Amino acid sequence: ELWEIHARFDTTGNGFEDDVEVLFHVP
């Protein structure tokens, strides 16, 4: 089981959020 996550997240640490698409394994 994986989760396809569409999120607003500050990926660089510059204070601005990017729109990202991440395939994530929770356990």
PDB file of all heavy atoms in Angstrom:
ATOM      1  N   GLU A   1       0.829  -1.204   0.000  1.00  0.00           N
ATOM      2  CA  GLU A   1       0.000   0.000   0.000  1.00  0.00           C
ATOM      3  C   GLU A   1       0.863   1.254   0.000  1.00  0.00           C
ATOM      4  O   GLU A   1       1.741   1.419   0.843  1.00  0.00           O
ATOM      5  CB  GLU A   1      -0.911   0.001   1.224  1.00  0.00           C
ATOM      6  CG  GLU A   1      -1.861   1.194   1.282  1.00  0.00           C
ATOM      7  CD  GLU A   1      -2.837   1.093   2.428  1.00  0.00           C
ATOM      8  OE1 GLU A   1      -3.792   0.288   2.324  1.00  0.00           O
ATOM      9  OE2 GLU A   1      -2.631   1.795   3.441  1.00  0.00           O
ATOM     10  N   LEU A   2       0.594   2.143  -0.960  1.00  0.00           N
ATOM     11  CA  LEU A   2       1.252   3.440  -1.045  1.00  0.00           C
ATOM     12  C   LEU A   2       0.192   4.529  -1.077  1.00  0.00           C
ATOM     13  O   LEU A   2      -0.965   4.279  -1.416  1.00  0.00           O
ATOM     14  CB  LEU A   2       2.127   3.534  -2.302  1.00  0.00           C
ATOM     15  CG  LEU A   2       3.265   2.519  -2.439  1.00  0.00           C
ATOM     16  CD1 LEU A   2       3.954   2.686  -3.786  1.00  0.00           C
ATOM     17  CD2 LEU A   2       4.281   2.676  -1.321  1.00  0.00           C
ATOM     18  N   TRP A   3       0.601   5.735  -0.729  1.00  0.00           N
ATOM     19  CA  TRP A   3      -0.290   6.896  -0.790  1.00  0.00           C
ATOM     20  C   TRP A   3       0.282   7.916  -1.769  1.00  0.00           C
ATOM     21  O   TRP A   3       1.457   8.286  -1.673  1.00  0.00           O
ATOM     22  CB  TRP A   3      -0.446   7.528   0.592  1.00  0.00           C
ATOM     23  CG  TRP A   3      -1.276   6.708   1.525  1.00  0.00           C
ATOM     24  CD1 TRP A   3      -0.837   5.717   2.351  1.00  0.00           C
ATOM     25  CD2 TRP A   3      -2.687   6.788   1.718  1.00  0.00           C
ATOM     26  NE1 TRP A   3      -1.886   5.172   3.047  1.00  0.00           N
ATOM     27  CE2 TRP A   3      -3.038   5.814   2.681  1.00  0.00           C
ATOM     28  CE3 TRP A   3      -3.691   7.587   1.182  1.00  0.00           C
ATOM     29  CZ2 TRP A   3      -4.340   5.616   3.118  1.00  0.00           C
ATOM     30  CZ3 TRP A   3      -4.999   7.391   1.609  1.00  0.00           C
ATOM     31  CH2 TRP A   3      -5.311   6.425   2.562  1.00  0.00           C
ATOM     32  N   GLU A   4      -0.547   8.328  -2.732  1.00  0.00           N
ATOM     33  CA  GLU A   4      -0.168   9.401  -3.654  1.00  0.00           C
ATOM     34  C   GLU A   4      -0.612  10.721  -3.022  1.00  0.00           C
ATOM     35  O   GLU A   4      -1.795  11.007  -2.936  1.00  0.00           O
ATOM     36  CB  GLU A   4      -0.838   9.207  -5.016  1.00  0.00           C
ATOM     37  CG  GLU A   4      -0.477  10.279  -6.040  1.00  0.00           C
ATOM     38  CD  GLU A   4      -1.184  10.087  -7.365  1.00  0.00           C
ATOM     39  OE1 GLU A   4      -1.182   8.936  -7.872  1.00  0.00           O
ATOM     40  OE2 GLU A   4      -1.757  11.072  -7.883  1.00  0.00           O
ATOM     41  N   ILE A   5       0.353  11.515  -2.592  1.00  0.00           N
ATOM     42  CA  ILE A   5       0.074  12.740  -1.841  1.00  0.00           C
ATOM     43  C   ILE A   5       0.304  13.953  -2.741  1.00  0.00           C
ATOM     44  O   ILE A   5       1.360  14.080  -3.367  1.00  0.00           O
ATOM     45  CB  ILE A   5       0.986  12.842  -0.594  1.00  0.00           C
ATOM     46  CG1 ILE A   5       0.781  11.626   0.316  1.00  0.00           C
ATOM     47  CG2 ILE A   5       0.719  14.130   0.167  1.00  0.00           C
ATOM     48  CD1 ILE A   5       1.775  11.546   1.457  1.00  0.00           C
ATOM     49  N   HIS A   6      -0.682  14.830  -2.796  1.00  0.00           N
ATOM     50  CA  HIS A   6      -0.550  16.123  -3.477  1.00  0.00           C
ATOM     51  C   HIS A   6      -0.583  17.189  -2.386  1.00  0.00           C
ATOM     52  O   HIS A   6      -1.604  17.355  -1.703  1.00  0.00           O
ATOM     53  CB  HIS A   6      -1.686  16.330  -4.477  1.00  0.00           C
ATOM     54  CG  HIS A   6      -1.701  15.318  -5.580  1.00  0.00           C
ATOM     55  ND1 HIS A   6      -1.182  15.578  -6.829  1.00  0.00           N
ATOM     56  CD2 HIS A   6      -2.148  14.031  -5.618  1.00  0.00           C
ATOM     57  CE1 HIS A   6      -1.320  14.505  -7.592  1.00  0.00           C
ATOM     58  NE2 HIS A   6      -1.906  13.566  -6.869  1.00  0.00           N
ATOM     59  N   ALA A   7       0.531  17.898  -2.214  1.00  0.00           N
ATOM     60  CA  ALA A   7       0.657  18.764  -1.041  1.00  0.00           C
ATOM     61  C   ALA A   7       1.348  20.074  -1.381  1.00  0.00           C
ATOM     62  O   ALA A   7       2.092  20.189  -2.359  1.00  0.00           O
ATOM     63  CB  ALA A   7       1.446  18.047   0.059  1.00  0.00           C
ATOM     64  N   ARG A   8       1.070  21.066  -0.548  1.00  0.00           N
ATOM     65  CA  ARG A   8       1.835  22.315  -0.523  1.00  0.00           C
ATOM     66  C   ARG A   8       2.893  22.161   0.573  1.00  0.00           C
ATOM     67  O   ARG A   8       2.555  21.960   1.735  1.00  0.00           O
ATOM     68  CB  ARG A   8       0.918  23.497  -0.206  1.00  0.00           C
ATOM     69  CG  ARG A   8       0.041  23.940  -1.370  1.00  0.00           C
ATOM     70  CD  ARG A   8       0.646  25.148  -2.053  1.00  0.00           C
ATOM     71  NE  ARG A   8      -0.069  25.476  -3.288  1.00  0.00           N
ATOM     72  CZ  ARG A   8      -1.011  26.401  -3.380  1.00  0.00           C
ATOM     73  NH1 ARG A   8      -1.381  27.073  -2.299  1.00  0.00           N
ATOM     74  NH2 ARG A   8      -1.566  26.657  -4.537  1.00  0.00           N
ATOM     75  N   PHE A   9       4.172  22.270   0.187  1.00  0.00           N
ATOM     76  CA  PHE A   9       5.234  22.011   1.159  1.00  0.00           C
ATOM     77  C   PHE A   9       6.470  22.817   0.779  1.00  0.00           C
ATOM     78  O   PHE A   9       6.835  22.906  -0.399  1.00  0.00           O
ATOM     79  CB  PHE A   9       5.567  20.517   1.182  1.00  0.00           C
ATOM     80  CG  PHE A   9       6.513  20.113   2.282  1.00  0.00           C
ATOM     81  CD1 PHE A   9       6.049  19.927   3.575  1.00  0.00           C
ATOM     82  CD2 PHE A   9       7.855  19.927   2.018  1.00  0.00           C
ATOM     83  CE1 PHE A   9       6.916  19.548   4.598  1.00  0.00           C
ATOM     84  CE2 PHE A   9       8.733  19.553   3.025  1.00  0.00           C
ATOM     85  CZ  PHE A   9       8.267  19.370   4.315  1.00  0.00           C
ATOM     86  N   ASP A  10       7.100  23.407   1.781  1.00  0.00           N
ATOM     87  CA  ASP A  10       8.347  24.159   1.582  1.00  0.00           C
ATOM     88  C   ASP A  10       9.485  23.156   1.432  1.00  0.00           C
ATOM     89  O   ASP A  10      10.016  22.651   2.414  1.00  0.00           O
ATOM     90  CB  ASP A  10       8.583  25.090   2.772  1.00  0.00           C
ATOM     91  CG  ASP A  10       9.831  25.946   2.600  1.00  0.00           C
ATOM     92  OD1 ASP A  10      10.493  25.835   1.547  1.00  0.00           O
ATOM     93  OD2 ASP A  10      10.167  26.702   3.524  1.00  0.00           O
ATOM     94  N   THR A  11       9.860  22.867   0.198  1.00  0.00           N
ATOM     95  CA  THR A  11      10.867  21.833  -0.057  1.00  0.00           C
ATOM     96  C   THR A  11      12.302  22.330   0.079  1.00  0.00           C
ATOM     97  O   THR A  11      13.222  21.518   0.215  1.00  0.00           O
ATOM     98  CB  THR A  11      10.693  21.264  -1.478  1.00  0.00           C
ATOM     99  OG1 THR A  11      10.832  22.325  -2.436  1.00  0.00           O
ATOM    100  CG2 THR A  11       9.321  20.617  -1.630  1.00  0.00           C
ATOM    101  N   THR A  12      12.491  23.639   0.031  1.00  0.00           N
ATOM    102  CA  THR A  12      13.858  24.176   0.029  1.00  0.00           C
ATOM    103  C   THR A  12      14.224  24.924   1.298  1.00  0.00           C
ATOM    104  O   THR A  12      15.406  25.138   1.570  1.00  0.00           O
ATOM    105  CB  THR A  12      14.051  25.133  -1.165  1.00  0.00           C
ATOM    106  OG1 THR A  12      13.103  26.218  -1.052  1.00  0.00           O
ATOM    107  CG2 THR A  12      13.826  24.401  -2.479  1.00  0.00           C
ATOM    108  N   GLY A  13      13.210  25.357   2.066  1.00  0.00           N
ATOM    109  CA  GLY A  13      13.493  26.122   3.269  1.00  0.00           C
ATOM    110  C   GLY A  13      13.588  27.617   3.042  1.00  0.00           C
ATOM    111  O   GLY A  13      14.038  28.368   3.914  1.00  0.00           O
ATOM    112  N   ASN A  14      13.116  28.079   1.851  1.00  0.00           N
ATOM    113  CA  ASN A  14      13.177  29.512   1.551  1.00  0.00           C
ATOM    114  C   ASN A  14      11.912  30.256   1.983  1.00  0.00           C
ATOM    115  O   ASN A  14      11.770  31.448   1.723  1.00  0.00           O
ATOM    116  CB  ASN A  14      13.426  29.744   0.056  1.00  0.00           C
ATOM    117  CG  ASN A  14      12.288  29.207  -0.818  1.00  0.00           C
ATOM    118  OD1 ASN A  14      11.301  28.664  -0.308  1.00  0.00           O
ATOM    119  ND2 ASN A  14      12.428  29.352  -2.123  1.00  0.00           N
ATOM    120  N   GLY A  15      10.971  29.555   2.628  1.00  0.00           N
ATOM    121  CA  GLY A  15       9.751  30.195   3.108  1.00  0.00           C
ATOM    122  C   GLY A  15       8.600  30.146   2.135  1.00  0.00           C
ATOM    123  O   GLY A  15       7.501  30.607   2.466  1.00  0.00           O
ATOM    124  N   PHE A  16       8.809  29.619   0.925  1.00  0.00           N
ATOM    125  CA  PHE A  16       7.742  29.526  -0.071  1.00  0.00           C
ATOM    126  C   PHE A  16       7.397  28.066  -0.304  1.00  0.00           C
ATOM    127  O   PHE A  16       8.287  27.211  -0.427  1.00  0.00           O
ATOM    128  CB  PHE A  16       8.179  30.176  -1.393  1.00  0.00           C
ATOM    129  CG  PHE A  16       8.387  31.647  -1.298  1.00  0.00           C
ATOM    130  CD1 PHE A  16       9.655  32.172  -1.069  1.00  0.00           C
ATOM    131  CD2 PHE A  16       7.323  32.529  -1.406  1.00  0.00           C
ATOM    132  CE1 PHE A  16       9.859  33.541  -0.972  1.00  0.00           C
ATOM    133  CE2 PHE A  16       7.509  33.898  -1.305  1.00  0.00           C
ATOM    134  CZ  PHE A  16       8.782  34.404  -1.088  1.00  0.00           C
ATOM    135  N   GLU A  17       6.102  27.774  -0.372  1.00  0.00           N
ATOM    136  CA  GLU A  17       5.644  26.398  -0.548  1.00  0.00           C
ATOM    137  C   GLU A  17       5.559  26.028  -2.030  1.00  0.00           C
ATOM    138  O   GLU A  17       5.136  26.835  -2.857  1.00  0.00           O
ATOM    139  CB  GLU A  17       4.278  26.204   0.100  1.00  0.00           C
ATOM    140  CG  GLU A  17       4.287  26.309   1.617  1.00  0.00           C
ATOM    141  CD  GLU A  17       2.920  26.071   2.219  1.00  0.00           C
ATOM    142  OE1 GLU A  17       1.936  26.651   1.694  1.00  0.00           O
ATOM    143  OE2 GLU A  17       2.825  25.311   3.189  1.00  0.00           O
ATOM    144  N   ASP A  18       5.969  24.811  -2.347  1.00  0.00           N
ATOM    145  CA  ASP A  18       5.847  24.260  -3.694  1.00  0.00           C
ATOM    146  C   ASP A  18       4.697  23.266  -3.723  1.00  0.00           C
ATOM    147  O   ASP A  18       4.375  22.637  -2.715  1.00  0.00           O
ATOM    148  CB  ASP A  18       7.144  23.545  -4.100  1.00  0.00           C
ATOM    149  CG  ASP A  18       8.335  24.477  -4.157  1.00  0.00           C
ATOM    150  OD1 ASP A  18       8.267  25.461  -4.909  1.00  0.00           O
ATOM    151  OD2 ASP A  18       9.333  24.218  -3.448  1.00  0.00           O
ATOM    152  N   ASP A  19       4.084  23.107  -4.894  1.00  0.00           N
ATOM    153  CA  ASP A  19       3.103  22.048  -5.091  1.00  0.00           C
ATOM    154  C   ASP A  19       3.846  20.794  -5.520  1.00  0.00           C
ATOM    155  O   ASP A  19       4.517  20.791  -6.562  1.00  0.00           O
ATOM    156  CB  ASP A  19       2.080  22.450  -6.163  1.00  0.00           C
ATOM    157  CG  ASP A  19       1.134  23.527  -5.666  1.00  0.00           C
ATOM    158  OD1 ASP A  19       0.581  23.363  -4.572  1.00  0.00           O
ATOM    159  OD2 ASP A  19       0.965  24.545  -6.364  1.00  0.00           O
ATOM    160  N   VAL A  20       3.750  19.748  -4.721  1.00  0.00           N
ATOM    161  CA  VAL A  20       4.490  18.517  -4.985  1.00  0.00           C
ATOM    162  C   VAL A  20       3.546  17.335  -5.054  1.00  0.00           C
ATOM    163  O   VAL A  20       2.434  17.352  -4.507  1.00  0.00           O
ATOM    164  CB  VAL A  20       5.570  18.259  -3.914  1.00  0.00           C
ATOM    165  CG1 VAL A  20       6.624  19.358  -3.945  1.00  0.00           C
ATOM    166  CG2 VAL A  20       4.954  18.150  -2.521  1.00  0.00           C
ATOM    167  N   GLU A  21       4.001  16.301  -5.741  1.00  0.00           N
ATOM    168  CA  GLU A  21       3.267  15.033  -5.871  1.00  0.00           C
ATOM    169  C   GLU A  21       4.207  13.927  -5.418  1.00  0.00           C
ATOM    170  O   GLU A  21       5.250  13.690  -6.047  1.00  0.00           O
ATOM    171  CB  GLU A  21       2.852  14.828  -7.322  1.00  0.00           C
ATOM    172  CG  GLU A  21       2.168  13.508  -7.605  1.00  0.00           C
ATOM    173  CD  GLU A  21       1.939  13.302  -9.091  1.00  0.00           C
ATOM    174  OE1 GLU A  21       1.607  14.279  -9.795  1.00  0.00           O
ATOM    175  OE2 GLU A  21       2.103  12.150  -9.541  1.00  0.00           O
ATOM    176  N   VAL A  22       3.882  13.275  -4.325  1.00  0.00           N
ATOM    177  CA  VAL A  22       4.795  12.323  -3.686  1.00  0.00           C
ATOM    178  C   VAL A  22       4.106  10.980  -3.512  1.00  0.00           C
ATOM    179  O   VAL A  22       2.968  10.907  -3.046  1.00  0.00           O
ATOM    180  CB  VAL A  22       5.262  12.856  -2.307  1.00  0.00           C
ATOM    181  CG1 VAL A  22       6.186  11.842  -1.622  1.00  0.00           C
ATOM    182  CG2 VAL A  22       5.972  14.201  -2.471  1.00  0.00           C
ATOM    183  N   LEU A  23       4.800   9.913  -3.885  1.00  0.00           N
ATOM    184  CA  LEU A  23       4.339   8.553  -3.625  1.00  0.00           C
ATOM    185  C   LEU A  23       5.025   8.090  -2.347  1.00  0.00           C
ATOM    186  O   LEU A  23       6.257   8.028  -2.277  1.00  0.00           O
ATOM    187  CB  LEU A  23       4.686   7.656  -4.806  1.00  0.00           C
ATOM    188  CG  LEU A  23       3.798   6.436  -5.042  1.00  0.00           C
ATOM    189  CD1 LEU A  23       2.342   6.849  -5.221  1.00  0.00           C
ATOM    190  CD2 LEU A  23       4.265   5.655  -6.258  1.00  0.00           C
ATOM    191  N   PHE A  24       4.225   7.744  -1.331  1.00  0.00           N
ATOM    192  CA  PHE A  24       4.736   7.617   0.031  1.00  0.00           C
ATOM    193  C   PHE A  24       4.275   6.309   0.661  1.00  0.00           C
ATOM    194  O   PHE A  24       3.111   5.924   0.543  1.00  0.00           O
ATOM    195  CB  PHE A  24       4.230   8.809   0.853  1.00  0.00           C
ATOM    196  CG  PHE A  24       4.806   8.940   2.229  1.00  0.00           C
ATOM    197  CD1 PHE A  24       6.150   9.214   2.418  1.00  0.00           C
ATOM    198  CD2 PHE A  24       4.000   8.808   3.351  1.00  0.00           C
ATOM    199  CE1 PHE A  24       6.692   9.364   3.693  1.00  0.00           C
ATOM    200  CE2 PHE A  24       4.517   8.950   4.628  1.00  0.00           C
ATOM    201  CZ  PHE A  24       5.870   9.219   4.802  1.00  0.00           C
ATOM    202  N   HIS A  25       5.207   5.631   1.348  1.00  0.00           N
ATOM    203  CA  HIS A  25       4.899   4.402   2.076  1.00  0.00           C
ATOM    204  C   HIS A  25       4.867   4.733   3.564  1.00  0.00           C
ATOM    205  O   HIS A  25       5.886   5.079   4.154  1.00  0.00           O
ATOM    206  CB  HIS A  25       5.957   3.335   1.793  1.00  0.00           C
ATOM    207  CG  HIS A  25       5.636   1.998   2.389  1.00  0.00           C
ATOM    208  ND1 HIS A  25       6.393   1.434   3.397  1.00  0.00           N
ATOM    209  CD2 HIS A  25       4.638   1.109   2.131  1.00  0.00           C
ATOM    210  CE1 HIS A  25       5.887   0.259   3.717  1.00  0.00           C
ATOM    211  NE2 HIS A  25       4.822   0.037   2.974  1.00  0.00           N
ATOM    212  N   VAL A  26       3.699   4.648   4.168  1.00  0.00           N
ATOM    213  CA  VAL A  26       3.504   5.135   5.536  1.00  0.00           C
ATOM    214  C   VAL A  26       4.247   4.308   6.588  1.00  0.00           C
ATOM    215  O   VAL A  26       4.915   4.876   7.452  1.00  0.00           O
ATOM    216  CB  VAL A  26       1.998   5.236   5.861  1.00  0.00           C
ATOM    217  CG1 VAL A  26       1.785   5.574   7.330  1.00  0.00           C
ATOM    218  CG2 VAL A  26       1.340   6.303   4.975  1.00  0.00           C
ATOM    219  N   PRO A  27       4.153   2.967   6.586  1.00  0.00           N
ATOM    220  CA  PRO A  27       4.793   2.218   7.679  1.00  0.00           C
ATOM    221  C   PRO A  27       6.288   2.492   7.828  1.00  0.00           C
ATOM    222  O   PRO A  27       6.807   2.532   8.946  1.00  0.00           O
ATOM    223  CB  PRO A  27       4.528   0.760   7.297  1.00  0.00           C
ATOM    224  CG  PRO A  27       3.292   0.805   6.461  1.00  0.00           C
ATOM    225  CD  PRO A  27       3.401   2.077   5.694  1.00  0.00           C
TER     226      PRO A  27
END
